[in-house]
C-alpha cells in the first residue's frame, strides 16, 4: 500500500515524473535522495504565481483559463496576482502600445528573480495583424522585456495558454537559464 502511494505521488497528471529524486523506504520512514537544485527547480515550477497584464481580447481567453472548465490551478498556477512583487511569471495578453511599454518594463523590473514572461497572442508577439504598421504599437513584447514562451494565435485558445504554462514549467524543471537556452538554439 505504501509503495503504491509513493508511485502515485511520483507521477504527475501529464505522465512525467513529478518529484525529482528517489524515495528509499526504511522501517522508520523514507529517505529522499536528490540534488538540491533539482528539488528547488521542481518546487519553483509547481508554484508559479502569474501577474495578469491583459490589454486586449487575449485577456478574455486568459480569464477563461481560470474558470472551472480549464482550471489552471490544477497545474500549479493557483494564485493570480495583481502586484508584481508577489508574482513570478507575467502573462502579456494583448497589444502593447508605446505609452504602455515603460509601465510593462517597470512591472517586470519590480518582479523578484527568477521571473518569467509569456507573450500571448499575435499582438504581444509581433504587434498584431491589425496594428502591425502603426506608429503607436510596439512590434512585440521582446522589444521591451525578454520573453520565455510565445503563444501564437489571434486570440489563442485557453488550451494554448495551458500548454504554454506547462512548457514553461518544463523549462524551469530543466534548470536551464534563458541565456543557456538561447546558446543551445544558436548551436543547433
C-alpha atoms as a PDB file:
ATOM      1  CA  UNK A   1       0.000   0.000   0.000  1.00  0.00           C
ATOM      2  CA  UNK A   2       2.748   2.454   0.961  1.00  0.00           C
ATOM      3  CA  UNK A   3       4.719   1.571  -2.193  1.00  0.00           C
ATOM      4  CA  UNK A   4       1.687   2.345  -4.354  1.00  0.00           C
ATOM      5  CA  UNK A   5       1.330   5.700  -2.613  1.00  0.00           C
ATOM      6  CA  UNK A   6       4.932   6.592  -3.449  1.00  0.00           C
ATOM      7  CA  UNK A   7       4.394   5.621  -7.079  1.00  0.00           C
ATOM      8  CA  UNK A   8       1.238   7.742  -7.250  1.00  0.00           C
ATOM      9  CA  UNK A   9       2.952  10.793  -5.784  1.00  0.00           C
ATOM     10  CA  UNK A  10       5.905  10.343  -8.129  1.00  0.00           C
ATOM     11  CA  UNK A  11       3.763  10.566 -11.259  1.00  0.00           C
ATOM     12  CA  UNK A  12       2.171  13.822 -12.400  1.00  0.00           C
ATOM     13  CA  UNK A  13      -1.067  14.143 -14.329  1.00  0.00           C
ATOM     14  CA  UNK A  14       0.838  14.579 -17.610  1.00  0.00           C
ATOM     15  CA  UNK A  15       2.835  11.374 -17.152  1.00  0.00           C
ATOM     16  CA  UNK A  16       6.188  12.965 -16.287  1.00  0.00           C
ATOM     17  CA  UNK A  17       7.987  12.293 -13.043  1.00  0.00           C
ATOM     18  CA  UNK A  18       6.660  14.882 -10.631  1.00  0.00           C
ATOM     19  CA  UNK A  19       9.326  14.615  -7.937  1.00  0.00           C
ATOM     20  CA  UNK A  20      12.999  14.669  -8.955  1.00  0.00           C
ATOM     21  CA  UNK A  21      14.541  12.007  -6.795  1.00  0.00           C
ATOM     22  CA  UNK A  22      14.166   8.619  -5.259  1.00  0.00           C
ATOM     23  CA  UNK A  23      12.378   7.708  -2.057  1.00  0.00           C
ATOM     24  CA  UNK A  24      14.023   4.829  -0.199  1.00  0.00           C
ATOM     25  CA  UNK A  25      11.685   3.149   2.265  1.00  0.00           C
ATOM     26  CA  UNK A  26      13.110   2.360   5.681  1.00  0.00           C
ATOM     27  CA  UNK A  27      11.399   0.927   8.775  1.00  0.00           C
ATOM     28  CA  UNK A  28      11.146   4.366  10.429  1.00  0.00           C
ATOM     29  CA  UNK A  29      10.108   6.278   7.294  1.00  0.00           C
ATOM     30  CA  UNK A  30      11.542   7.239   3.948  1.00  0.00           C
ATOM     31  CA  UNK A  31      14.680   8.995   2.813  1.00  0.00           C
ATOM     32  CA  UNK A  32      14.679  11.248  -0.235  1.00  0.00           C
ATOM     33  CA  UNK A  33      17.788  11.250  -2.410  1.00  0.00           C
ATOM     34  CA  UNK A  34      18.126  14.047  -4.951  1.00  0.00           C
ATOM     35  CA  UNK A  35      20.170  17.144  -5.672  1.00  0.00           C
ATOM     36  CA  UNK A  36      19.167  20.392  -4.007  1.00  0.00           C
ATOM     37  CA  UNK A  37      18.912  22.282  -7.328  1.00  0.00           C
ATOM     38  CA  UNK A  38      16.528  19.689  -8.766  1.00  0.00           C
ATOM     39  CA  UNK A  39      14.224  19.976  -5.758  1.00  0.00           C
ATOM     40  CA  UNK A  40      14.313  23.794  -5.894  1.00  0.00           C
ATOM     41  CA  UNK A  41      13.512  23.818  -9.639  1.00  0.00           C
ATOM     42  CA  UNK A  42      10.720  21.282  -9.106  1.00  0.00           C
ATOM     43  CA  UNK A  43       9.170  23.376  -6.329  1.00  0.00           C
ATOM     44  CA  UNK A  44       9.610  26.605  -8.316  1.00  0.00           C
ATOM     45  CA  UNK A  45       7.952  25.145 -11.410  1.00  0.00           C
ATOM     46  CA  UNK A  46       4.940  23.864  -9.490  1.00  0.00           C
ATOM     47  CA  UNK A  47       4.151  27.099  -7.674  1.00  0.00           C
ATOM     48  CA  UNK A  48       4.102  29.808 -10.323  1.00  0.00           C
ATOM     49  CA  UNK A  49       2.098  32.923  -9.481  1.00  0.00           C
ATOM     50  CA  UNK A  50       1.091  34.772 -12.644  1.00  0.00           C
ATOM     51  CA  UNK A  51       0.848  38.539 -12.924  1.00  0.00           C
ATOM     52  CA  UNK A  52      -2.031  39.481 -15.189  1.00  0.00           C
ATOM     53  CA  UNK A  53      -1.276  42.051 -17.887  1.00  0.00           C
ATOM     54  CA  UNK A  54      -4.301  41.839 -20.156  1.00  0.00           C
ATOM     55  CA  UNK A  55      -4.753  44.701 -22.600  1.00  0.00           C
ATOM     56  CA  UNK A  56      -6.895  43.275 -25.416  1.00  0.00           C
ATOM     57  CA  UNK A  57      -9.109  40.410 -26.472  1.00  0.00           C
ATOM     58  CA  UNK A  58      -6.498  37.841 -25.371  1.00  0.00           C
ATOM     59  CA  UNK A  59      -7.350  38.839 -21.819  1.00  0.00           C
ATOM     60  CA  UNK A  60     -10.758  37.177 -22.146  1.00  0.00           C
ATOM     61  CA  UNK A  61      -9.091  33.910 -23.137  1.00  0.00           C
ATOM     62  CA  UNK A  62      -6.663  34.278 -20.239  1.00  0.00           C
ATOM     63  CA  UNK A  63      -9.566  34.780 -17.812  1.00  0.00           C
ATOM     64  CA  UNK A  64     -11.301  31.659 -19.086  1.00  0.00           C
ATOM     65  CA  UNK A  65      -8.249  29.559 -18.179  1.00  0.00           C
ATOM     66  CA  UNK A  66      -9.009  30.249 -14.517  1.00  0.00           C
ATOM     67  CA  UNK A  67     -12.643  29.124 -14.931  1.00  0.00           C
ATOM     68  CA  UNK A  68     -13.910  25.720 -13.894  1.00  0.00           C
ATOM     69  CA  UNK A  69     -13.704  24.306 -17.425  1.00  0.00           C
ATOM     70  CA  UNK A  70      -9.931  24.742 -17.790  1.00  0.00           C
ATOM     71  CA  UNK A  71      -8.951  25.348 -14.126  1.00  0.00           C
ATOM     72  CA  UNK A  72      -5.265  26.226 -14.326  1.00  0.00           C
ATOM     73  CA  UNK A  73      -4.979  25.750 -10.571  1.00  0.00           C
ATOM     74  CA  UNK A  74      -4.637  22.000 -11.260  1.00  0.00           C
ATOM     75  CA  UNK A  75      -1.244  22.699 -12.805  1.00  0.00           C
ATOM     76  CA  UNK A  76       0.205  24.921 -10.083  1.00  0.00           C
ATOM     77  CA  UNK A  77      -0.873  28.387 -11.258  1.00  0.00           C
ATOM     78  CA  UNK A  78      -3.411  28.925  -8.498  1.00  0.00           C
ATOM     79  CA  UNK A  79      -2.737  32.410  -7.259  1.00  0.00           C
ATOM     80  CA  UNK A  80      -3.146  35.095  -9.935  1.00  0.00           C
ATOM     81  CA  UNK A  81      -1.600  38.286  -8.637  1.00  0.00           C
ATOM     82  CA  UNK A  82      -2.214  41.957  -9.363  1.00  0.00           C
ATOM     83  CA  UNK A  83       1.071  43.100  -7.849  1.00  0.00           C
ATOM     84  CA  UNK A  84       4.491  42.384  -9.381  1.00  0.00           C
ATOM     85  CA  UNK A  85       6.222  41.885  -6.035  1.00  0.00           C
ATOM     86  CA  UNK A  86       4.236  38.701  -5.414  1.00  0.00           C
ATOM     87  CA  UNK A  87       4.393  37.209  -8.919  1.00  0.00           C
ATOM     88  CA  UNK A  88       6.986  35.150 -10.763  1.00  0.00           C
ATOM     89  CA  UNK A  89       5.522  34.978 -14.274  1.00  0.00           C
ATOM     90  CA  UNK A  90       3.923  37.785 -16.238  1.00  0.00           C
ATOM     91  CA  UNK A  91       1.409  36.850 -18.929  1.00  0.00           C
ATOM     92  CA  UNK A  92       1.245  39.588 -21.550  1.00  0.00           C
ATOM     93  CA  UNK A  93      -2.130  39.142 -23.211  1.00  0.00           C
ATOM     94  CA  UNK A  94      -2.684  41.709 -25.919  1.00  0.00           C
ATOM     95  CA  UNK A  95      -1.367  44.794 -27.642  1.00  0.00           C
ATOM     96  CA  UNK A  96       1.458  46.826 -26.154  1.00  0.00           C
ATOM     97  CA  UNK A  97       1.462  50.469 -27.194  1.00  0.00           C
ATOM     98  CA  UNK A  98       4.461  52.776 -26.851  1.00  0.00           C
ATOM     99  CA  UNK A  99       2.934  54.606 -23.868  1.00  0.00           C
ATOM    100  CA  UNK A 100       2.429  51.280 -22.093  1.00  0.00           C
ATOM    101  CA  UNK A 101       5.928  49.866 -22.744  1.00  0.00           C
ATOM    102  CA  UNK A 102       7.615  51.745 -19.849  1.00  0.00           C
ATOM    103  CA  UNK A 103       4.889  50.521 -17.483  1.00  0.00           C
ATOM    104  CA  UNK A 104       5.457  46.933 -18.633  1.00  0.00           C
ATOM    105  CA  UNK A 105       9.206  47.349 -18.131  1.00  0.00           C
ATOM    106  CA  UNK A 106       8.653  48.768 -14.629  1.00  0.00           C
ATOM    107  CA  UNK A 107       6.381  45.855 -13.691  1.00  0.00           C
ATOM    108  CA  UNK A 108       8.972  43.394 -14.978  1.00  0.00           C
ATOM    109  CA  UNK A 109      11.733  45.127 -13.015  1.00  0.00           C
ATOM    110  CA  UNK A 110       9.668  45.019  -9.813  1.00  0.00           C
ATOM    111  CA  UNK A 111       9.211  41.248 -10.012  1.00  0.00           C
ATOM    112  CA  UNK A 112      11.544  39.154  -7.873  1.00  0.00           C
ATOM    113  CA  UNK A 113      14.112  36.905  -9.545  1.00  0.00           C
ATOM    114  CA  UNK A 114      13.738  34.382 -11.074  1.00  0.00           C
ATOM    115  CA  UNK A 115      10.994  35.807 -13.264  1.00  0.00           C
ATOM    116  CA  UNK A 116       9.434  34.504 -16.447  1.00  0.00           C
ATOM    117  CA  UNK A 117       7.450  36.049 -19.309  1.00  0.00           C
ATOM    118  CA  UNK A 118       4.733  34.577 -21.520  1.00  0.00           C
ATOM    119  CA  UNK A 119       3.673  36.555 -24.626  1.00  0.00           C
ATOM    120  CA  UNK A 120       0.118  35.593 -25.540  1.00  0.00           C
ATOM    121  CA  UNK A 121      -1.347  36.340 -28.946  1.00  0.00           C
ATOM    122  CA  UNK A 122      -0.208  37.897 -32.194  1.00  0.00           C
ATOM    123  CA  UNK A 123      -0.311  41.440 -30.762  1.00  0.00           C
ATOM    124  CA  UNK A 124       2.047  40.599 -27.905  1.00  0.00           C
ATOM    125  CA  UNK A 125       4.373  38.637 -30.193  1.00  0.00           C
ATOM    126  CA  UNK A 126       4.654  40.884 -33.253  1.00  0.00           C
ATOM    127  CA  UNK A 127       2.380  43.891 -32.937  1.00  0.00           C
ATOM    128  CA  UNK A 128      -0.675  42.074 -34.228  1.00  0.00           C
ATOM    129  CA  UNK A 129      -2.427  41.585 -37.535  1.00  0.00           C
ATOM    130  CA  UNK A 130      -4.485  44.770 -37.175  1.00  0.00           C
ATOM    131  CA  UNK A 131      -1.957  47.242 -35.821  1.00  0.00           C
ATOM    132  CA  UNK A 132       1.323  45.966 -37.293  1.00  0.00           C
ATOM    133  CA  UNK A 133       2.341  49.085 -39.236  1.00  0.00           C
ATOM    134  CA  UNK A 134       1.024  51.563 -36.705  1.00  0.00           C
ATOM    135  CA  UNK A 135       3.406  54.098 -35.188  1.00  0.00           C
ATOM    136  CA  UNK A 136       1.969  53.645 -31.689  1.00  0.00           C
ATOM    137  CA  UNK A 137       2.259  49.852 -31.297  1.00  0.00           C
ATOM    138  CA  UNK A 138       5.375  48.021 -30.092  1.00  0.00           C
ATOM    139  CA  UNK A 139       6.390  45.306 -32.578  1.00  0.00           C
ATOM    140  CA  UNK A 140       6.468  42.616 -29.921  1.00  0.00           C
ATOM    141  CA  UNK A 141       6.987  42.247 -26.187  1.00  0.00           C
ATOM    142  CA  UNK A 142      10.557  41.076 -26.716  1.00  0.00           C
ATOM    143  CA  UNK A 143      11.453  44.636 -27.739  1.00  0.00           C
ATOM    144  CA  UNK A 144      10.687  45.691 -24.149  1.00  0.00           C
ATOM    145  CA  UNK A 145      11.448  42.656 -21.939  1.00  0.00           C
ATOM    146  CA  UNK A 146      12.837  39.146 -22.605  1.00  0.00           C
ATOM    147  CA  UNK A 147      10.166  36.545 -23.380  1.00  0.00           C
ATOM    148  CA  UNK A 148      10.384  32.872 -22.382  1.00  0.00           C
ATOM    149  CA  UNK A 149       7.326  31.369 -24.121  1.00  0.00           C
ATOM    150  CA  UNK A 150       5.320  32.620 -27.113  1.00  0.00           C
ATOM    151  CA  UNK A 151       1.690  31.653 -27.771  1.00  0.00           C
ATOM    152  CA  UNK A 152       0.615  32.265 -31.383  1.00  0.00           C
ATOM    153  CA  UNK A 153      -2.966  32.957 -32.369  1.00  0.00           C
ATOM    154  CA  UNK A 154      -5.470  35.759 -32.570  1.00  0.00           C
ATOM    155  CA  UNK A 155      -6.677  35.210 -29.896  1.00  0.00           C
ATOM    156  CA  UNK A 156      -5.150  31.901 -28.829  1.00  0.00           C
ATOM    157  CA  UNK A 157      -7.402  29.323 -27.243  1.00  0.00           C
ATOM    158  CA  UNK A 158      -7.289  28.698 -23.479  1.00  0.00           C
ATOM    159  CA  UNK A 159      -5.736  25.297 -24.166  1.00  0.00           C
ATOM    160  CA  UNK A 160      -2.815  27.055 -25.850  1.00  0.00           C
ATOM    161  CA  UNK A 161      -2.178  29.106 -22.709  1.00  0.00           C
ATOM    162  CA  UNK A 162      -2.261  25.958 -20.589  1.00  0.00           C
ATOM    163  CA  UNK A 163       0.183  24.308 -22.977  1.00  0.00           C
ATOM    164  CA  UNK A 164       2.494  27.321 -22.789  1.00  0.00           C
ATOM    165  CA  UNK A 165       2.421  27.354 -18.992  1.00  0.00           C
ATOM    166  CA  UNK A 166       3.197  23.628 -18.886  1.00  0.00           C
ATOM    167  CA  UNK A 167       6.063  24.253 -21.347  1.00  0.00           C
ATOM    168  CA  UNK A 168       7.346  26.975 -19.036  1.00  0.00           C
ATOM    169  CA  UNK A 169       7.170  24.514 -16.131  1.00  0.00           C
ATOM    170  CA  UNK A 170       9.281  22.041 -18.092  1.00  0.00           C
ATOM    171  CA  UNK A 171      11.857  24.748 -18.857  1.00  0.00           C
ATOM    172  CA  UNK A 172      12.066  25.644 -15.175  1.00  0.00           C
ATOM    173  CA  UNK A 173      12.379  21.980 -14.139  1.00  0.00           C
ATOM    174  CA  UNK A 174      15.281  21.540 -16.570  1.00  0.00           C
ATOM    175  CA  UNK A 175      17.193  24.178 -14.625  1.00  0.00           C
ATOM    176  CA  UNK A 176      18.478  25.953 -17.715  1.00  0.00           C
ATOM    177  CA  UNK A 177      18.604  29.732 -17.694  1.00  0.00           C
ATOM    178  CA  UNK A 178      17.272  31.887 -20.515  1.00  0.00           C
ATOM    179  CA  UNK A 179      20.824  32.527 -21.752  1.00  0.00           C
ATOM    180  CA  UNK A 180      21.701  28.811 -21.779  1.00  0.00           C
ATOM    181  CA  UNK A 181      18.573  28.010 -23.794  1.00  0.00           C
ATOM    182  CA  UNK A 182      19.448  30.725 -26.340  1.00  0.00           C
ATOM    183  CA  UNK A 183      23.027  29.389 -26.606  1.00  0.00           C
ATOM    184  CA  UNK A 184      21.695  25.867 -27.286  1.00  0.00           C
ATOM    185  CA  UNK A 185      19.397  27.212 -30.037  1.00  0.00           C
ATOM    186  CA  UNK A 186      22.289  29.083 -31.662  1.00  0.00           C
ATOM    187  CA  UNK A 187      24.446  25.942 -31.734  1.00  0.00           C
ATOM    188  CA  UNK A 188      21.766  23.819 -33.401  1.00  0.00           C
END
